[in-house]
Amino acid sequence: MKTVTMRVDDSVYQMIALAASGERRNISNFIEYATLQYLSSAQYVDNAEMAEIMTDKELVENLKRGFEEVKNGEYTIV
C-alpha cells in the first residue's frame, strides 16, 4: 500500500465526501474506487470493442495515418 497526499478545493472535497457517504465508503476508499472505475471504463478497450475496431478498415487506416503523422511531427494541437 502507498500513501498519497493531495490538495483539493473545499467544494471538491465536499463533493467527494458526499459521494463517499452515498456509497457508504470512507473518503480514501471512495477515491480509490472512483479512480479504478474511471481507469477501467475510460482508458481501456475490452476485447469485443477492439475486435469491432479492427474490422473497420477505414478507421484502422486513419489511425495508422494519424500515428505516422504524429511520429513525423505533422500535427497541430487544437
N, C-alpha and C. Protein backbone atom coordinates (compact mmCIF):
# COMPACT_ATOMS: atom_id res chain seq x y z
N MET A 1 0.84 -1.19 0.00
CA MET A 1 0.00 0.00 0.00
C MET A 1 0.88 1.24 0.00
N LYS A 2 0.44 2.24 -0.72
CA LYS A 2 1.13 3.52 -0.77
C LYS A 2 0.20 4.59 -0.20
N THR A 3 0.79 5.60 0.39
CA THR A 3 0.04 6.75 0.90
C THR A 3 0.19 7.88 -0.10
N VAL A 4 -0.93 8.50 -0.46
CA VAL A 4 -0.94 9.61 -1.40
C VAL A 4 -1.55 10.82 -0.70
N THR A 5 -0.87 11.93 -0.76
CA THR A 5 -1.40 13.17 -0.20
C THR A 5 -1.78 14.07 -1.36
N MET A 6 -2.98 14.67 -1.28
CA MET A 6 -3.41 15.56 -2.35
C MET A 6 -4.17 16.74 -1.77
N ARG A 7 -4.17 17.83 -2.50
CA ARG A 7 -4.90 19.03 -2.09
C ARG A 7 -6.06 19.21 -3.06
N VAL A 8 -7.22 19.53 -2.51
CA VAL A 8 -8.39 19.81 -3.34
C VAL A 8 -9.11 21.02 -2.74
N ASP A 9 -9.83 21.74 -3.59
CA ASP A 9 -10.65 22.85 -3.12
C ASP A 9 -11.73 22.31 -2.18
N ASP A 10 -12.20 23.19 -1.31
CA ASP A 10 -13.25 22.80 -0.37
C ASP A 10 -14.48 22.27 -1.09
N SER A 11 -14.84 22.89 -2.22
CA SER A 11 -16.03 22.44 -2.94
C SER A 11 -15.84 21.03 -3.50
N VAL A 12 -14.64 20.74 -3.97
CA VAL A 12 -14.35 19.40 -4.49
C VAL A 12 -14.37 18.40 -3.35
N TYR A 13 -13.78 18.76 -2.22
CA TYR A 13 -13.79 17.88 -1.06
C TYR A 13 -15.22 17.56 -0.63
N GLN A 14 -16.08 18.55 -0.63
CA GLN A 14 -17.47 18.33 -0.24
C GLN A 14 -18.16 17.37 -1.21
N MET A 15 -17.88 17.51 -2.50
CA MET A 15 -18.47 16.59 -3.48
C MET A 15 -17.97 15.17 -3.26
N ILE A 16 -16.67 15.03 -2.99
CA ILE A 16 -16.11 13.70 -2.74
C ILE A 16 -16.71 13.10 -1.47
N ALA A 17 -16.79 13.91 -0.43
CA ALA A 17 -17.34 13.42 0.84
C ALA A 17 -18.80 13.00 0.69
N LEU A 18 -19.57 13.77 -0.05
CA LEU A 18 -20.98 13.44 -0.28
C LEU A 18 -21.11 12.14 -1.08
N ALA A 19 -20.30 12.02 -2.14
CA ALA A 19 -20.34 10.80 -2.96
C ALA A 19 -19.89 9.59 -2.14
N ALA A 20 -18.86 9.75 -1.32
CA ALA A 20 -18.38 8.65 -0.48
C ALA A 20 -19.47 8.21 0.49
N SER A 21 -20.13 9.18 1.08
CA SER A 21 -21.22 8.87 2.01
C SER A 21 -22.34 8.12 1.30
N GLY A 22 -22.68 8.56 0.11
CA GLY A 22 -23.72 7.89 -0.67
C GLY A 22 -23.38 6.46 -1.03
N GLU A 23 -22.09 6.19 -1.16
CA GLU A 23 -21.63 4.83 -1.47
C GLU A 23 -21.30 4.04 -0.21
N ARG A 24 -21.49 4.66 0.95
CA ARG A 24 -21.16 4.06 2.25
C ARG A 24 -19.70 3.62 2.30
N ARG A 25 -18.83 4.55 1.87
CA ARG A 25 -17.39 4.32 1.86
C ARG A 25 -16.71 5.47 2.58
N ASN A 26 -15.51 5.22 3.12
CA ASN A 26 -14.76 6.36 3.63
C ASN A 26 -14.14 7.08 2.43
N ILE A 27 -13.63 8.27 2.66
CA ILE A 27 -13.15 9.10 1.55
C ILE A 27 -12.00 8.42 0.80
N SER A 28 -11.03 7.87 1.53
CA SER A 28 -9.90 7.21 0.87
C SER A 28 -10.36 6.06 -0.02
N ASN A 29 -11.25 5.24 0.53
CA ASN A 29 -11.75 4.11 -0.24
C ASN A 29 -12.55 4.57 -1.44
N PHE A 30 -13.32 5.63 -1.29
CA PHE A 30 -14.11 6.13 -2.42
C PHE A 30 -13.20 6.66 -3.52
N ILE A 31 -12.15 7.40 -3.17
CA ILE A 31 -11.23 7.92 -4.18
C ILE A 31 -10.57 6.77 -4.94
N GLU A 32 -10.15 5.73 -4.22
CA GLU A 32 -9.56 4.57 -4.88
C GLU A 32 -10.59 3.90 -5.80
N TYR A 33 -11.80 3.69 -5.30
CA TYR A 33 -12.87 3.06 -6.07
C TYR A 33 -13.19 3.89 -7.32
N ALA A 34 -13.37 5.20 -7.16
CA ALA A 34 -13.73 6.06 -8.28
C ALA A 34 -12.61 6.10 -9.32
N THR A 35 -11.37 6.12 -8.87
CA THR A 35 -10.23 6.12 -9.78
C THR A 35 -10.18 4.84 -10.59
N LEU A 36 -10.35 3.70 -9.92
CA LEU A 36 -10.35 2.42 -10.63
C LEU A 36 -11.50 2.33 -11.62
N GLN A 37 -12.68 2.82 -11.23
CA GLN A 37 -13.82 2.82 -12.15
C GLN A 37 -13.52 3.64 -13.38
N TYR A 38 -12.95 4.82 -13.18
CA TYR A 38 -12.64 5.70 -14.31
C TYR A 38 -11.60 5.06 -15.22
N LEU A 39 -10.53 4.56 -14.64
CA LEU A 39 -9.47 3.98 -15.45
C LEU A 39 -9.91 2.74 -16.21
N SER A 40 -10.74 1.93 -15.60
CA SER A 40 -11.15 0.70 -16.28
C SER A 40 -12.23 0.96 -17.32
N SER A 41 -12.97 2.04 -17.20
CA SER A 41 -14.03 2.28 -18.18
C SER A 41 -13.64 3.29 -19.25
N ALA A 42 -12.78 4.24 -18.93
CA ALA A 42 -12.50 5.31 -19.87
C ALA A 42 -11.18 5.14 -20.61
N GLN A 43 -10.26 4.39 -20.10
CA GLN A 43 -8.93 4.34 -20.67
C GLN A 43 -8.62 3.07 -21.45
N TYR A 44 -9.43 2.05 -21.29
CA TYR A 44 -9.11 0.77 -21.88
C TYR A 44 -10.25 0.27 -22.75
N VAL A 45 -9.90 -0.51 -23.74
CA VAL A 45 -10.86 -1.08 -24.66
C VAL A 45 -10.94 -2.58 -24.38
N ASP A 46 -12.16 -3.09 -24.21
CA ASP A 46 -12.27 -4.53 -23.97
C ASP A 46 -12.09 -5.29 -25.29
N ASN A 47 -11.98 -6.60 -25.20
CA ASN A 47 -11.69 -7.43 -26.38
C ASN A 47 -12.76 -7.31 -27.46
N ALA A 48 -14.02 -7.25 -27.07
CA ALA A 48 -15.10 -7.14 -28.06
C ALA A 48 -15.02 -5.81 -28.79
N GLU A 49 -14.75 -4.74 -28.06
CA GLU A 49 -14.65 -3.43 -28.70
C GLU A 49 -13.43 -3.36 -29.62
N MET A 50 -12.32 -3.95 -29.20
CA MET A 50 -11.13 -3.96 -30.04
C MET A 50 -11.36 -4.75 -31.32
N ALA A 51 -12.07 -5.87 -31.22
CA ALA A 51 -12.38 -6.66 -32.41
C ALA A 51 -13.23 -5.85 -33.38
N GLU A 52 -14.17 -5.09 -32.85
CA GLU A 52 -15.02 -4.24 -33.71
C GLU A 52 -14.17 -3.16 -34.38
N ILE A 53 -13.28 -2.56 -33.64
CA ILE A 53 -12.40 -1.53 -34.21
C ILE A 53 -11.54 -2.12 -35.32
N MET A 54 -10.96 -3.27 -35.08
CA MET A 54 -10.04 -3.87 -36.04
C MET A 54 -10.73 -4.31 -37.33
N THR A 55 -12.04 -4.52 -37.30
CA THR A 55 -12.75 -4.90 -38.53
C THR A 55 -13.14 -3.69 -39.37
N ASP A 56 -13.00 -2.49 -38.82
CA ASP A 56 -13.32 -1.26 -39.55
C ASP A 56 -12.05 -0.80 -40.27
N LYS A 57 -11.91 -1.22 -41.53
CA LYS A 57 -10.68 -0.99 -42.29
C LYS A 57 -10.37 0.50 -42.46
N GLU A 58 -11.40 1.31 -42.72
CA GLU A 58 -11.18 2.75 -42.90
C GLU A 58 -10.66 3.37 -41.60
N LEU A 59 -11.25 2.99 -40.49
CA LEU A 59 -10.80 3.51 -39.19
C LEU A 59 -9.35 3.10 -38.92
N VAL A 60 -9.03 1.84 -39.17
CA VAL A 60 -7.66 1.36 -38.93
C VAL A 60 -6.66 2.13 -39.79
N GLU A 61 -6.98 2.36 -41.04
CA GLU A 61 -6.09 3.12 -41.92
C GLU A 61 -5.93 4.55 -41.43
N ASN A 62 -7.03 5.18 -41.00
CA ASN A 62 -6.95 6.55 -40.48
C ASN A 62 -6.09 6.60 -39.21
N LEU A 63 -6.23 5.60 -38.34
CA LEU A 63 -5.41 5.56 -37.13
C LEU A 63 -3.94 5.39 -37.47
N LYS A 64 -3.64 4.52 -38.42
CA LYS A 64 -2.25 4.32 -38.84
C LYS A 64 -1.67 5.61 -39.42
N ARG A 65 -2.46 6.27 -40.27
CA ARG A 65 -2.00 7.52 -40.89
C ARG A 65 -1.77 8.58 -39.82
N GLY A 66 -2.69 8.66 -38.85
CA GLY A 66 -2.54 9.61 -37.76
C GLY A 66 -1.30 9.33 -36.92
N PHE A 67 -1.04 8.06 -36.65
CA PHE A 67 0.15 7.68 -35.89
C PHE A 67 1.42 8.11 -36.62
N GLU A 68 1.46 7.86 -37.91
CA GLU A 68 2.62 8.27 -38.70
C GLU A 68 2.80 9.78 -38.69
N GLU A 69 1.69 10.53 -38.79
CA GLU A 69 1.78 11.99 -38.77
C GLU A 69 2.32 12.48 -37.43
N VAL A 70 1.89 11.85 -36.33
CA VAL A 70 2.42 12.23 -35.02
C VAL A 70 3.90 11.91 -34.94
N LYS A 71 4.31 10.72 -35.40
CA LYS A 71 5.73 10.35 -35.38
C LYS A 71 6.56 11.35 -36.16
N ASN A 72 6.02 11.87 -37.26
CA ASN A 72 6.74 12.79 -38.13
C ASN A 72 6.57 14.26 -37.73
N GLY A 73 5.85 14.51 -36.65
CA GLY A 73 5.65 15.88 -36.19
C GLY A 73 4.68 16.67 -37.06
N GLU A 74 3.84 15.98 -37.82
CA GLU A 74 2.91 16.63 -38.75
C GLU A 74 1.53 16.72 -38.13
N TYR A 75 1.41 17.47 -37.07
CA TYR A 75 0.11 17.61 -36.40
C TYR A 75 0.02 18.98 -35.74
N THR A 76 -1.19 19.37 -35.43
CA THR A 76 -1.46 20.62 -34.75
C THR A 76 -2.36 20.33 -33.56
N ILE A 77 -1.98 20.80 -32.39
CA ILE A 77 -2.81 20.63 -31.21
C ILE A 77 -3.83 21.77 -31.19
N VAL A 78 -5.09 21.41 -31.11
CA VAL A 78 -6.15 22.41 -31.10
C VAL A 78 -6.89 22.41 -29.79
